[in-house]
Amino acid sequence: MLRRRPMEQFSLSFLDVICCGFGAVILLLMITKTVEPQLIEASTLSLEGRISSLREQLYELRGETRVVNRDLTTKQEQLSRHRERIAILRRELAELSLLQEALDQELSGNDQSSRQLAIARQRLSEEMQRLLRTESERRNQLIGGIPVDSEYIIFVIDTSGSMKSYSWGRMIKELEATLSIYPKVKGIQVLNDMGRYMFSRYRGKWMPDTPGRRKVILDTLRSWEVFSNSSPVEGITEAISSFYAPDKKISIYVFGDEFTGQSIQQVVDTVDRLNRVDRHGNRRVRIHAVGFPVLLDQPDHLQNTGIRFATLMRELTYRNGGSFVALEDYN
């Protein structure tokens, strides 16, 4: 009797299937392990490149921000300057409007005066013309001890606190009286004792002398505010340096009350060097002065600068063909 072999629990076919399955798993693991690092590495490189690009953009933006901020600051400074210039131009426009108004009035009056003058001249006899020339020569002589033969006049005015507080009204009256002895000149100019011009657009240039211009000068004087060191030296030297000319007769009128400079002799020597003598021994620029006794009414120890002003002006006017007028009071 034949005995059957016992049945095997695992056949070869089953083992083949198991081996193939394990092989497939191993193959999958090998494929996964091979591809995954490449993907991660590529992602890492991509992110690093992106970060680097963003950093470069950030640096560029920061640089552009600094440039923009710098440009903005520059523009703000330019805007501030433009605003200041606009304020100046508006003030000058107001002055020009006043001047235009005065000129219009003057022109309307001049037309009628010119017609009347033409008719009068036609009726003048030779004797009348001779008398007219004589009268013109007589006006060209001394008035109140002051020579008035100049064709151009410059006012150098002390704008210090003492003058503004005590003598300003009197100073304006004296300036108006001085203008009245010059019915007509070829040019006029106004500076303060520091050499600052009343009208900056006429710096270094002569202003035309018209009734309208004189009115604008007097109106502006009433509210003129400009720094002063209570010394007329800078104004005098600026006037001579800028306007001296061998072919012009010029008079400088100094209105002030004190001299705070170091040396009177140094000022005299400087003016002598600037205001040269012509071939006839005469100086082309006359220097006159009007002294206001503001400080001379103070106690003795406060009068020094007032006395020095009078001493300086007496010497300058004497050496430069002018006159020094010392007022008894400033009211």
Protein backbone atom coordinates (compact mmCIF):
# COMPACT_ATOMS: atom_id res chain seq x y z
CA MET A 1 0.00 0.00 0.00
CA LEU A 2 1.39 3.28 -1.13
CA ARG A 3 1.75 6.10 1.33
CA ARG A 4 0.98 9.66 0.16
CA ARG A 5 3.47 12.35 0.71
CA PRO A 6 2.20 15.03 2.97
CA MET A 7 1.13 18.22 1.13
CA GLU A 8 3.69 21.04 1.29
CA GLN A 9 2.43 24.24 2.83
CA PHE A 10 4.37 26.49 0.43
CA SER A 11 4.83 25.62 -3.14
CA LEU A 12 7.46 26.96 -5.47
CA SER A 13 4.93 29.07 -7.31
CA PHE A 14 3.98 30.81 -4.16
CA LEU A 15 7.59 31.51 -3.37
CA ASP A 16 8.04 32.95 -6.82
CA VAL A 17 5.13 35.29 -6.26
CA ILE A 18 6.46 36.37 -2.91
CA CYS A 19 9.91 36.96 -4.33
CA CYS A 20 8.54 38.95 -7.20
CA GLY A 21 6.50 41.04 -4.77
CA PHE A 22 9.48 41.69 -2.58
CA GLY A 23 11.50 42.52 -5.66
CA ALA A 24 8.88 44.96 -6.79
CA VAL A 25 8.83 46.63 -3.36
CA ILE A 26 12.62 46.83 -3.36
CA LEU A 27 12.55 48.24 -6.88
CA LEU A 28 9.99 50.84 -5.85
CA LEU A 29 12.07 51.77 -2.84
CA MET A 30 15.13 52.10 -5.01
CA ILE A 31 13.26 54.29 -7.52
CA THR A 32 11.82 56.44 -4.74
CA LYS A 33 15.19 56.89 -3.03
CA THR A 34 16.81 57.82 -6.34
CA VAL A 35 14.27 60.47 -7.49
CA GLU A 36 13.35 62.10 -4.17
CA PRO A 37 16.75 63.71 -3.36
CA GLN A 38 16.89 65.18 -6.85
CA LEU A 39 13.49 66.82 -6.41
CA ILE A 40 14.36 68.17 -2.95
CA GLU A 41 17.72 69.42 -4.17
CA ALA A 42 16.09 71.17 -7.13
CA SER A 43 13.46 72.73 -4.87
CA THR A 44 16.16 73.90 -2.47
CA LEU A 45 18.17 75.49 -5.26
CA SER A 46 15.06 77.15 -6.65
CA LEU A 47 14.14 78.61 -3.24
CA GLU A 48 17.67 79.83 -2.60
CA GLY A 49 17.74 81.50 -6.00
CA ARG A 50 14.39 83.13 -5.28
CA ILE A 51 15.57 84.34 -1.88
CA SER A 52 18.76 85.73 -3.43
CA SER A 53 16.73 87.51 -6.09
CA LEU A 54 14.40 88.97 -3.47
CA ARG A 55 17.40 90.16 -1.43
CA GLU A 56 18.85 91.89 -4.47
CA GLN A 57 15.51 93.56 -5.12
CA LEU A 58 15.37 94.61 -1.47
CA TYR A 59 18.85 96.17 -1.70
CA GLU A 60 17.86 97.95 -4.92
CA LEU A 61 14.67 99.24 -3.32
CA ARG A 62 16.61 100.49 -0.32
CA GLY A 63 19.06 102.28 -2.60
CA GLU A 64 16.23 103.76 -4.63
CA THR A 65 14.53 104.86 -1.40
CA ARG A 66 17.66 106.72 -0.31
CA VAL A 67 17.90 108.40 -3.70
CA VAL A 68 14.22 109.34 -3.59
CA ASN A 69 14.59 110.71 -0.05
CA ARG A 70 17.62 112.73 -1.11
CA ASP A 71 15.76 114.07 -4.15
CA LEU A 72 12.78 114.86 -1.96
CA THR A 73 14.96 116.86 0.44
CA THR A 74 16.47 118.75 -2.50
CA LYS A 75 13.03 119.48 -3.93
CA GLN A 76 11.83 120.71 -0.54
CA GLU A 77 14.81 123.06 -0.28
CA GLN A 78 14.15 124.30 -3.82
CA LEU A 79 10.49 124.79 -2.94
CA SER A 80 11.48 126.81 0.13
CA ARG A 81 13.76 128.99 -1.98
CA HIS A 82 11.03 129.44 -4.59
CA ARG A 83 8.56 130.45 -1.90
CA GLU A 84 11.02 132.97 -0.53
CA ARG A 85 11.61 134.30 -4.04
CA ILE A 86 7.85 134.55 -4.60
CA ALA A 87 7.52 136.59 -1.40
CA ILE A 88 10.26 138.95 -2.59
CA LEU A 89 8.68 139.26 -6.04
CA ARG A 90 5.30 140.00 -4.50
CA ARG A 91 6.84 142.77 -2.41
CA GLU A 92 8.59 144.17 -5.48
CA LEU A 93 5.34 143.93 -7.43
CA ALA A 94 3.62 146.01 -4.77
CA GLU A 95 6.42 148.59 -5.02
CA LEU A 96 6.16 148.62 -8.80
CA SER A 97 2.41 149.07 -8.59
CA LEU A 98 2.90 152.13 -6.38
CA LEU A 99 5.56 153.41 -8.76
CA GLN A 100 3.37 152.79 -11.83
CA GLU A 101 0.51 154.64 -10.21
CA ALA A 102 2.75 157.58 -9.42
CA LEU A 103 4.25 157.52 -12.92
CA ASP A 104 0.80 157.54 -14.50
CA GLN A 105 -0.08 160.61 -12.49
CA GLU A 106 3.23 162.18 -13.41
CA LEU A 107 2.80 161.46 -17.13
CA SER A 108 -0.70 162.86 -17.19
CA GLY A 109 0.61 166.02 -15.57
CA ASN A 110 3.72 166.14 -17.75
CA ASP A 111 1.73 166.14 -20.99
CA GLN A 112 -0.06 169.30 -19.99
CA SER A 113 3.12 170.85 -18.56
CA SER A 114 5.06 170.07 -21.75
CA ARG A 115 2.46 171.81 -23.89
CA GLN A 116 2.49 174.83 -21.62
CA LEU A 117 6.28 174.88 -21.58
CA ALA A 118 6.47 174.72 -25.38
CA ILE A 119 4.11 177.69 -25.68
CA ALA A 120 6.05 179.62 -23.05
CA ARG A 121 9.37 178.99 -24.77
CA GLN A 122 8.01 180.28 -28.03
CA ARG A 123 7.16 183.54 -26.31
CA LEU A 124 10.51 183.97 -24.56
CA SER A 125 12.65 186.80 -25.81
CA GLU A 126 16.44 186.63 -25.90
CA GLU A 127 16.56 188.61 -22.66
CA MET A 128 14.23 186.18 -20.94
CA GLN A 129 16.38 183.25 -22.06
CA ARG A 130 19.46 185.00 -20.66
CA LEU A 131 17.67 185.51 -17.33
CA LEU A 132 16.63 181.84 -17.34
CA ARG A 133 20.27 180.75 -17.72
CA THR A 134 21.27 183.11 -14.91
CA GLU A 135 18.62 181.62 -12.61
CA SER A 136 19.83 178.10 -13.41
CA GLU A 137 23.40 179.06 -12.52
CA ARG A 138 22.21 180.69 -9.29
CA ARG A 139 20.43 177.47 -8.23
CA ASN A 140 23.70 175.62 -8.79
CA GLN A 141 25.42 177.56 -6.02
CA LEU A 142 25.46 176.82 -2.29
CA ILE A 143 22.15 176.23 -0.49
CA GLY A 144 22.42 176.42 3.27
CA GLY A 145 26.19 176.00 2.99
CA ILE A 146 25.84 172.72 1.02
CA PRO A 147 27.08 172.53 -2.59
CA VAL A 148 24.29 171.24 -4.80
CA ASP A 149 26.11 170.91 -8.09
CA SER A 150 25.97 167.10 -8.13
CA GLU A 151 24.05 165.20 -10.78
CA TYR A 152 23.77 161.98 -8.76
CA ILE A 153 22.95 161.57 -5.05
CA ILE A 154 23.29 158.64 -2.65
CA PHE A 155 21.76 158.45 0.83
CA VAL A 156 23.55 156.32 3.45
CA ILE A 157 21.16 155.95 6.40
CA ASP A 158 21.84 154.51 9.86
CA THR A 159 19.03 152.00 10.53
CA SER A 160 20.11 151.12 14.08
CA GLY A 161 17.72 150.89 17.00
CA SER A 162 18.65 154.30 18.41
CA MET A 163 17.86 156.01 15.10
CA LYS A 164 14.65 154.04 14.58
CA SER A 165 13.44 154.70 18.11
CA TYR A 166 14.27 158.40 18.49
CA SER A 167 15.13 160.09 15.18
CA TRP A 168 13.36 158.27 12.38
CA GLY A 169 10.62 160.83 11.83
CA ARG A 170 13.12 163.68 11.89
CA MET A 171 15.44 161.77 9.56
CA ILE A 172 12.67 161.36 6.97
CA LYS A 173 11.96 165.10 7.12
CA GLU A 174 15.66 165.89 6.64
CA LEU A 175 15.88 163.51 3.68
CA GLU A 176 12.80 165.08 2.12
CA ALA A 177 14.30 168.54 2.64
CA THR A 178 17.55 167.40 1.03
CA LEU A 179 15.68 166.10 -1.99
CA SER A 180 13.90 169.41 -2.34
CA ILE A 181 17.19 171.24 -3.01
CA TYR A 182 17.77 168.89 -5.95
CA PRO A 183 14.74 169.45 -8.21
CA LYS A 184 16.07 166.96 -10.73
CA VAL A 185 19.11 164.66 -10.80
CA LYS A 186 20.25 161.99 -13.24
CA GLY A 187 20.31 159.18 -10.68
CA ILE A 188 19.48 158.42 -7.07
CA GLN A 189 20.26 155.58 -4.65
CA VAL A 190 19.48 154.65 -1.01
CA LEU A 191 21.61 152.35 1.20
CA ASN A 192 21.75 151.72 4.90
CA ASP A 193 24.95 152.14 6.91
CA MET A 194 25.83 148.46 6.28
CA GLY A 195 25.69 148.96 2.51
CA ARG A 196 22.31 147.17 2.11
CA TYR A 197 20.22 148.55 -0.75
CA MET A 198 16.68 149.73 -0.13
CA PHE A 199 15.66 148.23 -3.51
CA SER A 200 17.69 145.09 -4.22
CA ARG A 201 16.86 145.01 -7.92
CA TYR A 202 18.78 148.28 -8.30
CA ARG A 203 21.90 146.95 -6.58
CA GLY A 204 24.93 148.64 -8.14
CA LYS A 205 22.70 150.63 -10.52
CA TRP A 206 21.25 154.13 -10.46
CA MET A 207 17.52 154.54 -9.93
CA PRO A 208 15.83 157.06 -12.23
CA ASP A 209 14.84 160.24 -10.43
CA THR A 210 11.13 160.95 -10.83
CA PRO A 211 8.45 162.32 -8.47
CA GLY A 212 7.00 158.82 -8.33
CA ARG A 213 10.33 157.28 -7.36
CA ARG A 214 10.85 159.90 -4.64
CA LYS A 215 7.41 159.16 -3.22
CA VAL A 216 8.15 155.40 -3.17
CA ILE A 217 11.44 156.06 -1.35
CA LEU A 218 9.75 158.15 1.35
CA ASP A 219 6.91 155.63 1.74
CA THR A 220 9.35 152.71 2.01
CA LEU A 221 11.48 154.54 4.58
CA ARG A 222 8.61 154.62 7.06
CA SER A 223 8.65 150.82 7.39
CA TRP A 224 12.23 149.99 6.35
CA GLU A 225 13.72 147.38 8.69
CA VAL A 226 17.30 146.20 8.08
CA PHE A 227 20.18 145.20 10.36
CA SER A 228 22.70 147.89 11.33
CA ASN A 229 25.95 147.88 13.31
CA SER A 230 25.71 151.63 14.00
CA SER A 231 28.64 152.50 11.78
CA PRO A 232 28.38 154.27 8.38
CA VAL A 233 31.72 152.95 7.09
CA GLU A 234 30.37 149.99 5.11
CA GLY A 235 27.68 152.10 3.45
CA ILE A 236 30.13 154.85 2.44
CA THR A 237 32.69 152.42 1.01
CA GLU A 238 29.97 150.50 -0.87
CA ALA A 239 28.63 153.74 -2.35
CA ILE A 240 32.05 154.92 -3.53
CA SER A 241 33.22 151.51 -4.77
CA SER A 242 30.04 150.81 -6.75
CA PHE A 243 29.24 154.27 -8.15
CA TYR A 244 32.49 156.22 -8.42
CA ALA A 245 33.04 157.38 -11.99
CA PRO A 246 35.37 160.09 -13.32
CA ASP A 247 32.64 161.52 -15.56
CA LYS A 248 29.95 161.84 -12.87
CA LYS A 249 29.38 164.40 -10.12
CA ILE A 250 28.14 162.46 -7.12
CA SER A 251 27.13 163.48 -3.59
CA ILE A 252 26.78 161.09 -0.66
CA TYR A 253 24.55 162.13 2.25
CA VAL A 254 25.20 160.26 5.51
CA PHE A 255 22.41 160.33 8.14
CA GLY A 256 23.42 158.85 11.51
CA ASP A 257 24.04 159.25 15.20
CA GLU A 258 27.08 157.11 16.12
CA PHE A 259 30.27 155.40 14.96
CA THR A 260 31.14 152.07 16.60
CA GLY A 261 34.18 151.27 14.46
CA GLN A 262 37.72 150.78 15.71
CA SER A 263 39.72 153.51 13.97
CA ILE A 264 38.66 156.88 12.58
CA GLN A 265 41.99 157.31 10.78
CA GLN A 266 41.62 153.96 9.04
CA VAL A 267 38.23 154.99 7.69
CA VAL A 268 39.62 158.33 6.47
CA ASP A 269 42.53 156.58 4.73
CA THR A 270 40.20 154.03 3.09
CA VAL A 271 37.90 156.74 1.75
CA ASP A 272 40.91 158.72 0.46
CA ARG A 273 42.05 155.65 -1.46
CA LEU A 274 38.61 154.97 -2.94
CA ASN A 275 37.54 158.56 -3.62
CA ARG A 276 40.48 159.54 -5.78
CA VAL A 277 41.46 163.11 -6.61
CA ASP A 278 41.17 164.24 -10.23
CA ARG A 279 43.78 166.23 -12.14
CA HIS A 280 42.38 169.50 -10.76
CA GLY A 281 42.75 168.36 -7.15
CA ASN A 282 39.02 167.79 -6.65
CA ARG A 283 37.32 164.60 -5.54
CA ARG A 284 34.56 163.29 -7.77
CA VAL A 285 32.38 162.20 -4.85
CA ARG A 286 31.30 164.77 -2.27
CA ILE A 287 30.46 163.51 1.20
CA HIS A 288 27.91 165.39 3.31
CA ALA A 289 26.61 164.32 6.70
CA VAL A 290 23.75 165.09 9.06
CA GLY A 291 24.30 164.17 12.71
CA PHE A 292 21.40 163.37 15.03
CA PRO A 293 22.22 164.06 18.72
CA VAL A 294 20.53 160.93 20.09
CA LEU A 295 23.47 159.76 22.18
CA LEU A 296 24.59 163.27 23.12
CA ASP A 297 21.47 163.52 25.29
CA GLN A 298 22.64 160.48 27.28
CA PRO A 299 24.93 160.48 30.34
CA ASP A 300 28.57 161.32 29.65
CA HIS A 301 29.79 157.71 29.69
CA LEU A 302 27.32 156.79 26.93
CA GLN A 303 28.20 159.63 24.55
CA ASN A 304 31.46 158.22 23.20
CA THR A 305 30.14 156.72 19.95
CA GLY A 306 28.11 159.86 19.23
CA ILE A 307 31.16 162.07 19.66
CA ARG A 308 33.22 159.73 17.45
CA PHE A 309 30.55 159.94 14.71
CA ALA A 310 30.72 163.74 14.73
CA THR A 311 34.55 163.63 14.65
CA LEU A 312 34.60 161.19 11.74
CA MET A 313 31.99 163.06 9.72
CA ARG A 314 33.68 166.44 10.22
CA GLU A 315 36.93 165.00 8.88
CA LEU A 316 35.34 163.10 5.98
CA THR A 317 33.19 166.02 4.82
CA TYR A 318 36.13 168.42 5.08
CA ARG A 319 38.44 166.19 3.05
CA ASN A 320 35.78 165.28 0.47
CA GLY A 321 34.29 168.68 -0.38
CA GLY A 322 31.11 168.37 1.66
CA SER A 323 29.41 169.82 4.73
CA PHE A 324 28.60 168.42 8.15
CA VAL A 325 25.33 169.55 9.75
CA ALA A 326 24.87 168.74 13.44
CA LEU A 327 21.24 169.01 14.56
CA GLU A 328 20.49 170.52 17.95
CA ASP A 329 17.65 168.10 18.65
CA TYR A 330 16.14 165.00 17.07
CA ASN A 331 12.47 165.72 17.63
